Amino acid sequence: MVLVDVKMLSGFTPVMSSIEELENNGQVMKSEVKNDHVLFFLEKVWGIANSFTFSVEQSNHVSNIQPAPVMVYDYYEKGRQAAIMP
């Protein structure tokens, strides 16, 4: 199992219907929204390319918005990870 941890941009929140759609169509097994992070749990991803998208909406005006990091973890071996840092 793989865990994808998406940190929300300052001033933005995830659109819950877009996250629920990912679960309903089987693209993600499970998702959680905690604090300013969206966590996606994926199964059976070894050896294949996988991508998905979800929507966010601006809830507060923030100047000079910076990109947010995305971390990908092996759920069972936390030492195996990758990160996209802006």
C-alpha atoms as a PDB file:
ATOM      1  CA  MET A   1       0.000   0.000   0.000  1.00  0.00           C
ATOM      2  CA  VAL A   2       1.162   3.525  -0.787  1.00  0.00           C
ATOM      3  CA  LEU A   3       0.304   6.714   1.072  1.00  0.00           C
ATOM      4  CA  VAL A   4       0.254  10.016  -0.854  1.00  0.00           C
ATOM      5  CA  ASP A   5       0.393  13.047   1.461  1.00  0.00           C
ATOM      6  CA  VAL A   6      -0.612  16.311  -0.238  1.00  0.00           C
ATOM      7  CA  LYS A   7      -0.079  19.479   1.797  1.00  0.00           C
ATOM      8  CA  MET A   8      -2.676  22.112   0.994  1.00  0.00           C
ATOM      9  CA  LEU A   9      -1.591  25.481  -0.299  1.00  0.00           C
ATOM     10  CA  SER A  10      -2.042  28.290   2.224  1.00  0.00           C
ATOM     11  CA  GLY A  11      -5.547  29.690   1.906  1.00  0.00           C
ATOM     12  CA  PHE A  12      -6.914  26.672  -0.014  1.00  0.00           C
ATOM     13  CA  THR A  13      -9.131  23.750   0.984  1.00  0.00           C
ATOM     14  CA  PRO A  14      -9.885  20.510  -0.877  1.00  0.00           C
ATOM     15  CA  VAL A  15     -13.229  20.083  -2.632  1.00  0.00           C
ATOM     16  CA  MET A  16     -14.609  17.056  -0.817  1.00  0.00           C
ATOM     17  CA  SER A  17     -16.829  15.917  -3.708  1.00  0.00           C
ATOM     18  CA  SER A  18     -13.736  15.557  -5.931  1.00  0.00           C
ATOM     19  CA  ILE A  19     -12.033  13.410  -3.272  1.00  0.00           C
ATOM     20  CA  GLU A  20     -15.154  11.264  -2.795  1.00  0.00           C
ATOM     21  CA  GLU A  21     -15.286  10.732  -6.551  1.00  0.00           C
ATOM     22  CA  LEU A  22     -11.742   9.293  -6.486  1.00  0.00           C
ATOM     23  CA  GLU A  23     -12.862   6.769  -3.868  1.00  0.00           C
ATOM     24  CA  ASN A  24     -16.113   5.939  -5.657  1.00  0.00           C
ATOM     25  CA  ASN A  25     -14.432   5.259  -9.010  1.00  0.00           C
ATOM     26  CA  GLY A  26     -11.709   3.136  -7.399  1.00  0.00           C
ATOM     27  CA  GLN A  27      -8.735   5.394  -8.130  1.00  0.00           C
ATOM     28  CA  VAL A  28      -7.921   5.562  -4.417  1.00  0.00           C
ATOM     29  CA  MET A  29      -8.781   3.018  -1.756  1.00  0.00           C
ATOM     30  CA  LYS A  30      -9.334   5.563   1.024  1.00  0.00           C
ATOM     31  CA  SER A  31      -8.708   9.227   1.781  1.00  0.00           C
ATOM     32  CA  GLU A  32      -8.431  11.378   4.887  1.00  0.00           C
ATOM     33  CA  VAL A  33      -8.312  15.130   5.376  1.00  0.00           C
ATOM     34  CA  LYS A  34      -6.287  16.115   8.441  1.00  0.00           C
ATOM     35  CA  ASN A  35      -5.325  19.672   9.337  1.00  0.00           C
ATOM     36  CA  ASP A  36      -3.886  21.087   6.113  1.00  0.00           C
ATOM     37  CA  HIS A  37      -3.099  17.714   4.473  1.00  0.00           C
ATOM     38  CA  VAL A  38      -5.034  15.336   2.226  1.00  0.00           C
ATOM     39  CA  LEU A  39      -3.940  11.705   2.568  1.00  0.00           C
ATOM     40  CA  PHE A  40      -4.654   9.186  -0.184  1.00  0.00           C
ATOM     41  CA  PHE A  41      -4.222   5.438   0.322  1.00  0.00           C
ATOM     42  CA  LEU A  42      -3.488   3.425  -2.836  1.00  0.00           C
ATOM     43  CA  GLU A  43      -3.205  -0.322  -3.371  1.00  0.00           C
ATOM     44  CA  LYS A  44      -1.464  -2.327  -6.077  1.00  0.00           C
ATOM     45  CA  VAL A  45       0.665   0.408  -7.595  1.00  0.00           C
ATOM     46  CA  TRP A  46       3.991  -1.404  -8.006  1.00  0.00           C
ATOM     47  CA  GLY A  47       5.369  -1.360 -11.514  1.00  0.00           C
ATOM     48  CA  ILE A  48       2.692   0.868 -13.015  1.00  0.00           C
ATOM     49  CA  ALA A  49       2.348   4.606 -13.541  1.00  0.00           C
ATOM     50  CA  ASN A  50      -0.573   6.089 -11.659  1.00  0.00           C
ATOM     51  CA  SER A  51      -2.018   9.585 -11.587  1.00  0.00           C
ATOM     52  CA  PHE A  52      -5.160  11.234 -10.299  1.00  0.00           C
ATOM     53  CA  THR A  53      -6.440  14.750  -9.713  1.00  0.00           C
ATOM     54  CA  PHE A  54      -8.689  16.443  -7.199  1.00  0.00           C
ATOM     55  CA  SER A  55      -9.981  19.991  -6.891  1.00  0.00           C
ATOM     56  CA  VAL A  56      -9.167  22.707  -4.387  1.00  0.00           C
ATOM     57  CA  GLU A  57     -10.844  26.033  -3.760  1.00  0.00           C
ATOM     58  CA  GLN A  58      -9.497  29.238  -2.322  1.00  0.00           C
ATOM     59  CA  SER A  59     -10.988  29.877   1.127  1.00  0.00           C
ATOM     60  CA  ASN A  60      -8.789  32.829   2.140  1.00  0.00           C
ATOM     61  CA  HIS A  61      -6.907  35.378   0.103  1.00  0.00           C
ATOM     62  CA  VAL A  62      -3.164  34.777   0.410  1.00  0.00           C
ATOM     63  CA  SER A  63      -0.489  36.862  -1.272  1.00  0.00           C
ATOM     64  CA  ASN A  64       2.564  35.270  -2.861  1.00  0.00           C
ATOM     65  CA  ILE A  65       1.217  31.698  -2.923  1.00  0.00           C
ATOM     66  CA  GLN A  66       4.010  29.126  -2.908  1.00  0.00           C
ATOM     67  CA  PRO A  67       3.848  25.546  -4.228  1.00  0.00           C
ATOM     68  CA  ALA A  68       3.113  22.852  -1.656  1.00  0.00           C
ATOM     69  CA  PRO A  69       5.020  19.573  -1.197  1.00  0.00           C
ATOM     70  CA  VAL A  70       3.691  16.118  -2.025  1.00  0.00           C
ATOM     71  CA  MET A  71       5.152  13.093  -0.234  1.00  0.00           C
ATOM     72  CA  VAL A  72       4.730   9.456  -1.286  1.00  0.00           C
ATOM     73  CA  TYR A  73       5.372   6.716   1.281  1.00  0.00           C
ATOM     74  CA  ASP A  74       5.399   2.957   1.349  1.00  0.00           C
ATOM     75  CA  TYR A  75       2.748   2.467   4.043  1.00  0.00           C
ATOM     76  CA  TYR A  76       4.537  -0.517   5.570  1.00  0.00           C
ATOM     77  CA  GLU A  77       8.114   0.788   5.262  1.00  0.00           C
ATOM     78  CA  LYS A  78       8.141   4.478   6.200  1.00  0.00           C
ATOM     79  CA  GLY A  79      11.821   4.711   5.192  1.00  0.00           C
ATOM     80  CA  ARG A  80      10.845   4.200   1.543  1.00  0.00           C
ATOM     81  CA  GLN A  81       9.583   7.545   0.344  1.00  0.00           C
ATOM     82  CA  ALA A  82       9.736  10.124  -2.393  1.00  0.00           C
ATOM     83  CA  ALA A  83       8.988  13.811  -2.322  1.00  0.00           C
ATOM     84  CA  ILE A  84       8.199  16.563  -4.751  1.00  0.00           C
ATOM     85  CA  MET A  85       9.414  19.777  -3.191  1.00  0.00           C
ATOM     86  CA  PRO A  86       8.896  23.040  -5.007  1.00  0.00           C
END
